[in-house]
Protein backbone atom coordinates (compact mmCIF):
# COMPACT_ATOMS: atom_id res chain seq x y z
CA MET A 1 -25.92 10.62 153.73
CA SER A 2 -28.49 12.71 152.24
CA THR A 3 -26.17 13.32 149.44
CA ILE A 4 -25.24 9.77 148.66
CA PRO A 5 -28.20 8.00 146.63
CA LYS A 6 -29.90 5.37 148.01
CA PRO A 7 -29.48 2.09 145.92
CA ASP A 8 -32.39 0.12 144.71
CA GLY A 9 -31.34 -3.03 146.59
CA PRO A 10 -30.54 -3.96 150.40
CA ASP A 11 -27.14 -3.78 152.17
CA ILE A 12 -25.35 -6.86 150.56
CA ASP A 13 -21.72 -8.09 150.41
CA ILE A 14 -20.73 -9.13 147.11
CA GLY A 15 -16.70 -8.87 148.22
CA HIS A 16 -16.48 -12.28 149.75
CA GLN A 17 -17.07 -13.77 146.13
CA PHE A 18 -14.55 -11.34 144.62
CA LEU A 19 -12.09 -12.15 147.19
CA THR A 20 -12.90 -15.79 146.87
CA ILE A 21 -11.99 -15.64 143.06
CA SER A 22 -8.95 -13.44 143.70
CA TRP A 23 -7.14 -15.71 146.23
CA THR A 24 -7.93 -18.79 144.48
CA LEU A 25 -6.43 -17.48 141.32
CA TYR A 26 -3.51 -16.24 143.21
CA SER A 27 -2.76 -19.62 145.13
CA ILE A 28 -2.97 -21.19 141.71
CA ALA A 29 -0.34 -18.85 140.30
CA THR A 30 1.89 -19.12 142.92
CA ILE A 31 1.85 -22.82 142.47
CA VAL A 32 2.40 -22.17 138.79
CA VAL A 33 5.30 -19.81 139.18
CA VAL A 34 7.16 -22.02 141.91
CA LEU A 35 6.67 -25.18 139.43
CA ARG A 36 7.94 -22.37 136.62
CA LEU A 37 11.37 -21.79 138.71
CA TYR A 38 12.05 -25.16 139.64
CA ALA A 39 11.45 -26.20 136.25
CA GLN A 40 14.12 -23.52 135.10
CA ALA A 41 16.47 -24.01 137.53
CA THR A 42 16.41 -28.10 137.57
CA VAL A 43 15.52 -28.90 134.04
CA ASN A 44 17.07 -26.17 132.09
CA ARG A 45 19.52 -25.17 134.61
CA LYS A 46 19.15 -21.37 134.45
CA LEU A 47 16.87 -18.36 135.28
CA GLY A 48 15.90 -15.32 133.11
CA TRP A 49 14.60 -11.94 132.97
CA GLY A 50 11.40 -13.49 132.11
CA ASP A 51 11.55 -15.61 135.57
CA ALA A 52 12.22 -12.36 137.31
CA LEU A 53 9.62 -10.11 136.03
CA MET A 54 7.22 -12.94 136.71
CA VAL A 55 8.37 -13.15 140.66
CA VAL A 56 7.68 -9.24 140.53
CA SER A 57 4.41 -9.78 139.09
CA LEU A 58 3.24 -12.01 141.35
CA PHE A 59 4.50 -10.05 144.15
CA PHE A 60 2.43 -7.01 142.92
CA GLY A 61 -0.60 -9.04 142.26
CA ILE A 62 -0.63 -10.56 145.89
CA LEU A 63 -0.14 -7.08 147.41
CA SER A 64 -3.02 -5.88 145.52
CA GLY A 65 -5.04 -8.51 146.82
CA VAL A 66 -4.15 -7.91 150.21
CA MET A 67 -4.97 -4.04 149.92
CA LEU A 68 -8.31 -5.09 148.71
CA THR A 69 -9.09 -7.62 151.58
CA ILE A 70 -8.29 -4.85 153.96
CA ALA A 71 -10.69 -2.65 151.99
CA HIS A 72 -13.19 -5.22 152.05
CA HIS A 73 -13.22 -5.18 155.98
CA TYR A 74 -13.92 -1.88 155.75
CA GLY A 75 -16.88 -2.38 153.04
CA PHE A 76 -15.91 -3.03 149.93
CA GLY A 77 -18.36 -4.96 148.12
CA ARG A 78 -21.04 -3.19 149.83
CA HIS A 79 -23.03 -0.22 148.91
CA PHE A 80 -21.31 3.03 149.74
CA PHE A 81 -24.79 4.25 151.17
CA TYR A 82 -25.10 1.96 154.27
CA LEU A 83 -21.39 2.45 155.12
CA THR A 84 -20.46 4.76 158.31
CA PRO A 85 -18.22 7.76 157.45
CA SER A 86 -15.16 5.95 158.53
CA GLU A 87 -15.70 2.80 156.64
CA ARG A 88 -16.26 5.02 153.64
CA VAL A 89 -12.96 6.71 153.79
CA ASN A 90 -10.89 3.52 154.54
CA SER A 91 -12.45 1.43 151.83
CA GLN A 92 -11.97 3.62 149.39
CA LYS A 93 -8.32 4.65 150.61
CA PHE A 94 -7.13 1.09 150.12
CA THR A 95 -9.38 0.71 146.97
CA PHE A 96 -7.03 3.61 145.53
CA ILE A 97 -4.14 2.14 147.02
CA ASN A 98 -4.74 -1.23 144.99
CA GLU A 99 -4.92 0.32 141.89
CA PRO A 100 -1.31 1.03 140.66
CA LEU A 101 -0.23 -2.05 142.34
CA GLY A 102 -3.00 -4.13 139.97
CA ILE A 103 -1.55 -2.03 137.16
CA ALA A 104 2.11 -3.13 138.15
CA GLY A 105 1.31 -6.81 138.51
CA SER A 106 -0.52 -7.00 134.92
CA ALA A 107 2.38 -5.03 133.38
CA PHE A 108 4.82 -7.18 134.83
CA GLY A 109 2.95 -9.90 133.73
CA ARG A 110 3.11 -8.77 130.56
CA LEU A 111 6.69 -7.99 129.98
CA SER A 112 7.56 -11.48 131.41
CA PHE A 113 5.78 -12.97 128.63
CA MET A 114 7.69 -10.68 126.26
CA ALA A 115 11.07 -11.53 127.68
CA LEU A 116 9.92 -15.23 126.49
CA MET A 117 8.93 -13.95 122.87
CA TYR A 118 12.03 -12.29 122.42
CA ARG A 119 14.05 -15.00 123.69
CA LEU A 120 12.23 -17.39 121.44
CA PHE A 121 11.31 -15.07 118.28
CA GLY A 122 14.00 -12.27 118.25
CA THR A 123 15.63 -13.85 115.74
CA THR A 124 15.51 -11.11 113.25
CA LYS A 125 16.24 -7.30 113.60
CA TYR A 126 12.57 -6.67 112.83
CA ARG A 127 11.05 -8.74 115.56
CA ARG A 128 13.50 -7.78 118.06
CA TRP A 129 12.55 -4.20 117.51
CA PHE A 130 8.85 -4.78 117.46
CA ILE A 131 9.17 -6.54 120.94
CA ILE A 132 11.35 -4.03 122.24
CA PHE A 133 8.26 -1.35 121.14
CA LEU A 134 5.65 -3.57 122.91
CA MET A 135 7.93 -3.51 126.09
CA THR A 136 8.48 0.33 125.93
CA GLU A 137 4.58 1.03 125.17
CA THR A 138 3.46 -1.23 128.12
CA ILE A 139 5.97 0.15 130.65
CA VAL A 140 5.10 3.88 129.28
CA ILE A 141 1.59 3.81 129.39
CA ASN A 142 0.87 1.63 132.38
CA LEU A 143 3.70 4.00 134.53
CA VAL A 144 1.47 7.06 133.05
CA THR A 145 -1.61 5.86 134.29
CA ALA A 146 -0.43 4.54 137.75
CA ILE A 147 1.21 7.99 138.29
CA THR A 148 -2.48 9.73 137.39
CA ILE A 149 -4.03 8.13 139.90
CA PHE A 150 -2.36 9.94 142.65
CA THR A 151 -2.07 13.30 141.03
CA GLN A 152 -5.78 13.75 140.43
CA CYS A 153 -5.44 15.99 143.61
CA PRO A 154 -3.24 18.61 145.25
CA ASP A 155 -3.24 16.40 148.58
CA VAL A 156 -4.05 12.81 147.63
CA ARG A 157 -5.91 11.88 150.78
CA SER A 158 -8.74 14.18 148.99
CA LEU A 159 -9.64 11.07 146.84
CA TRP A 160 -10.72 8.99 149.86
CA ASP A 161 -11.42 11.86 152.31
CA PRO A 162 -12.72 14.73 150.55
CA VAL A 163 -15.03 16.23 153.81
CA ASN A 164 -11.65 16.27 156.10
CA PHE A 165 -9.29 16.97 153.18
CA PRO A 166 -11.09 19.12 150.64
CA GLY A 167 -9.34 20.18 147.53
CA LYS A 168 -10.00 21.09 143.83
CA CYS A 169 -9.30 17.39 142.00
CA TRP A 170 -9.68 16.28 138.50
CA SER A 171 -13.25 15.11 137.18
CA PRO A 172 -13.61 11.40 137.97
CA LEU A 173 -14.08 11.04 134.16
CA VAL A 174 -10.48 11.98 133.47
CA GLN A 175 -9.43 8.77 135.50
CA GLU A 176 -11.98 6.96 133.44
CA TYR A 177 -10.96 8.11 130.07
CA THR A 178 -6.91 7.57 130.87
CA GLY A 179 -8.04 4.23 131.90
CA PHE A 180 -9.87 3.15 128.84
CA PHE A 181 -7.24 4.11 126.95
CA GLN A 182 -4.52 2.51 128.75
CA GLY A 183 -6.79 -0.98 129.03
CA SER A 184 -7.41 -0.67 125.41
CA CYS A 185 -3.63 -0.35 124.59
CA ASN A 186 -3.20 -3.35 126.99
CA ALA A 187 -5.93 -5.25 125.32
CA ALA A 188 -4.47 -4.62 121.85
CA THR A 189 -0.98 -5.80 123.30
CA ASP A 190 -2.56 -8.65 124.81
CA LEU A 191 -4.21 -9.77 121.27
CA THR A 192 -0.85 -9.13 119.60
CA LEU A 193 1.06 -11.67 122.08
CA THR A 194 -1.59 -13.72 121.18
CA ILE A 195 -1.66 -13.75 117.34
CA LEU A 196 1.96 -13.28 116.87
CA PRO A 197 3.17 -16.69 118.14
CA GLY A 198 0.95 -18.64 116.27
CA TYR A 199 1.60 -16.56 112.96
CA ILE A 200 5.35 -17.43 113.21
CA PHE A 201 4.88 -21.26 114.15
CA TRP A 202 2.51 -21.57 111.52
CA SER A 203 5.24 -19.90 109.23
CA LEU A 204 7.95 -23.00 110.43
CA GLN A 205 8.57 -25.92 108.23
CA MET A 206 6.84 -28.83 110.63
CA THR A 207 4.16 -31.25 110.62
CA THR A 208 0.66 -29.42 111.00
CA LYS A 209 0.08 -31.28 114.42
CA VAL A 210 3.40 -29.91 115.69
CA LYS A 211 1.92 -26.56 114.58
CA LEU A 212 -1.30 -26.55 116.18
CA GLY A 213 0.13 -27.84 119.40
CA LEU A 214 2.99 -25.03 119.96
CA ALA A 215 0.72 -22.24 118.43
CA SER A 216 -1.93 -23.43 121.33
CA LEU A 217 0.61 -23.75 123.80
CA MET A 218 1.80 -20.04 123.16
CA CYS A 219 -1.62 -18.88 122.43
CA LEU A 220 -3.12 -19.42 125.72
CA SER A 221 -2.73 -15.76 126.56
CA ILE A 222 -5.77 -15.09 124.44
CA PHE A 223 -7.45 -15.28 127.80
CA ALA A 224 -5.41 -12.31 129.05
CA PHE A 225 -6.84 -10.50 125.91
CA ILE A 226 -10.36 -11.50 126.68
CA ALA A 227 -10.01 -10.49 130.43
CA SER A 228 -8.54 -7.18 129.31
CA LEU A 229 -11.24 -6.60 127.04
CA VAL A 230 -14.08 -7.03 129.47
CA LYS A 231 -11.97 -5.04 132.11
CA VAL A 232 -12.11 -2.16 129.50
CA ILE A 233 -15.91 -2.55 129.21
CA LEU A 234 -16.47 -2.03 132.94
CA LEU A 235 -14.16 0.95 133.28
CA LYS A 236 -17.28 3.20 133.24
CA SER A 237 -17.43 2.29 137.01
CA LEU A 238 -14.67 3.97 137.87
CA GLY A 239 -16.23 7.45 137.16
CA GLU A 240 -19.26 6.64 139.15
CA ARG A 241 -17.72 7.71 142.31
CA SER A 242 -21.29 7.54 143.94
CA ASP A 243 -21.26 3.49 144.98
CA TYR A 244 -17.74 3.25 144.26
CA THR A 245 -17.25 0.23 146.88
CA PHE A 246 -20.21 -1.49 145.17
CA ASN A 247 -19.76 -0.74 141.55
CA THR A 248 -16.11 -1.58 140.92
CA VAL A 249 -16.30 -5.03 142.14
CA PRO A 250 -16.65 -6.59 138.60
CA PHE A 251 -13.73 -4.16 137.33
CA PHE A 252 -11.40 -5.53 139.85
CA THR A 253 -12.51 -8.75 139.84
CA TRP A 254 -11.54 -9.07 135.72
CA ILE A 255 -8.26 -7.29 136.46
CA LYS A 256 -7.56 -10.31 138.53
CA TYR A 257 -7.90 -12.62 135.99
CA VAL A 258 -5.21 -10.70 133.48
CA SER A 259 -1.99 -12.02 135.20
CA PRO A 260 -2.92 -15.51 136.51
CA SER A 261 -4.06 -15.92 132.51
CA ARG A 262 -1.02 -15.08 131.15
CA TRP A 263 1.01 -17.20 133.58
CA GLN A 264 -0.55 -20.41 131.86
CA THR A 265 2.32 -20.17 129.39
CA SER A 266 4.74 -20.88 132.26
CA LEU A 267 4.08 -24.08 132.63
CA SER A 268 5.99 -24.62 129.01
CA PRO A 269 9.28 -26.03 130.45
CA PHE A 270 7.27 -29.16 131.59
CA PHE A 271 6.75 -29.81 128.20
CA ARG A 272 10.32 -29.95 127.22
CA SER A 273 10.93 -33.80 127.43
CA GLY A 274 7.97 -34.61 125.00
CA LEU A 275 8.51 -31.72 122.43
CA THR A 276 12.28 -32.01 122.06
CA ARG A 277 11.62 -35.45 121.25
CA THR A 278 9.05 -34.38 118.43
CA VAL A 279 10.72 -31.00 117.00
CA SER A 280 13.66 -32.68 116.75
CA LYS A 281 12.90 -34.40 113.60
CA THR A 282 11.98 -30.87 112.10
CA ARG A 283 14.26 -28.31 110.39
CA SER A 284 13.19 -25.77 113.14
CA SER A 285 14.61 -27.47 116.22
CA SER A 286 17.30 -25.31 116.98
CA LEU A 287 15.00 -22.16 117.42
CA LEU A 288 12.39 -24.60 119.48
CA HIS A 289 15.11 -25.66 121.94
CA LEU A 290 15.35 -21.99 122.81
CA PHE A 291 11.85 -22.43 123.96
CA LEU A 292 12.41 -25.76 125.63
């Protein structure tokens, strides 16, 4: 206890607010994904890679939420100083286990949106290769980041129980800097996925009203970019291990915003009938029908 600095505030629990936000978002996300799959199966009468990737993203996101819920049971959301030795070990254990699951959930969410972009905009060689590059970059960077989480110590248990499993581990700054690089790349990718569809739609020959409507629908990923940007700003908390269970709550809260905000575009099949009547009057109806 003497090696752990005493916080300025009392023994409060901010984990309840995190769990409320997290499970509310993922309840809505589950409904959105189910509606998306229903629309694809009944309206378009086919399911694609984007749908499969979205289900995988939802699975990892929910699994991440389960790990953090268990971590909260042991003290996640409270100051580390006030936890018992057992609570410190278990809260950190499930928090660390959650990290690669959260990374996977966000990464598969981006890949799902990229699959939609490829299907919609992969009409030229340049666009196809550019989207493939974004997919590859997303897979490699997030996979490497997830691996480094559990390779920081010779015995992974040293991460959450250094007393009983001592070992020479990397500096916490390594995870912080690795996360900063990964988060910056993800934010840049989210920004690209926000700008690209708007740019392409705006270059098509159609009315301004239709351009704005379609661009706005596809550019809803701006919310994922904002969440990714805030997450990068809060990354410093990963290196502050002295109060890890309390300081990291805002960081993990913003992680929970990333995938659900990406899935807002999953409702696009429900715009099919209205948009079909509109785009049928334009020269680009054959391209837009791919989206619908």
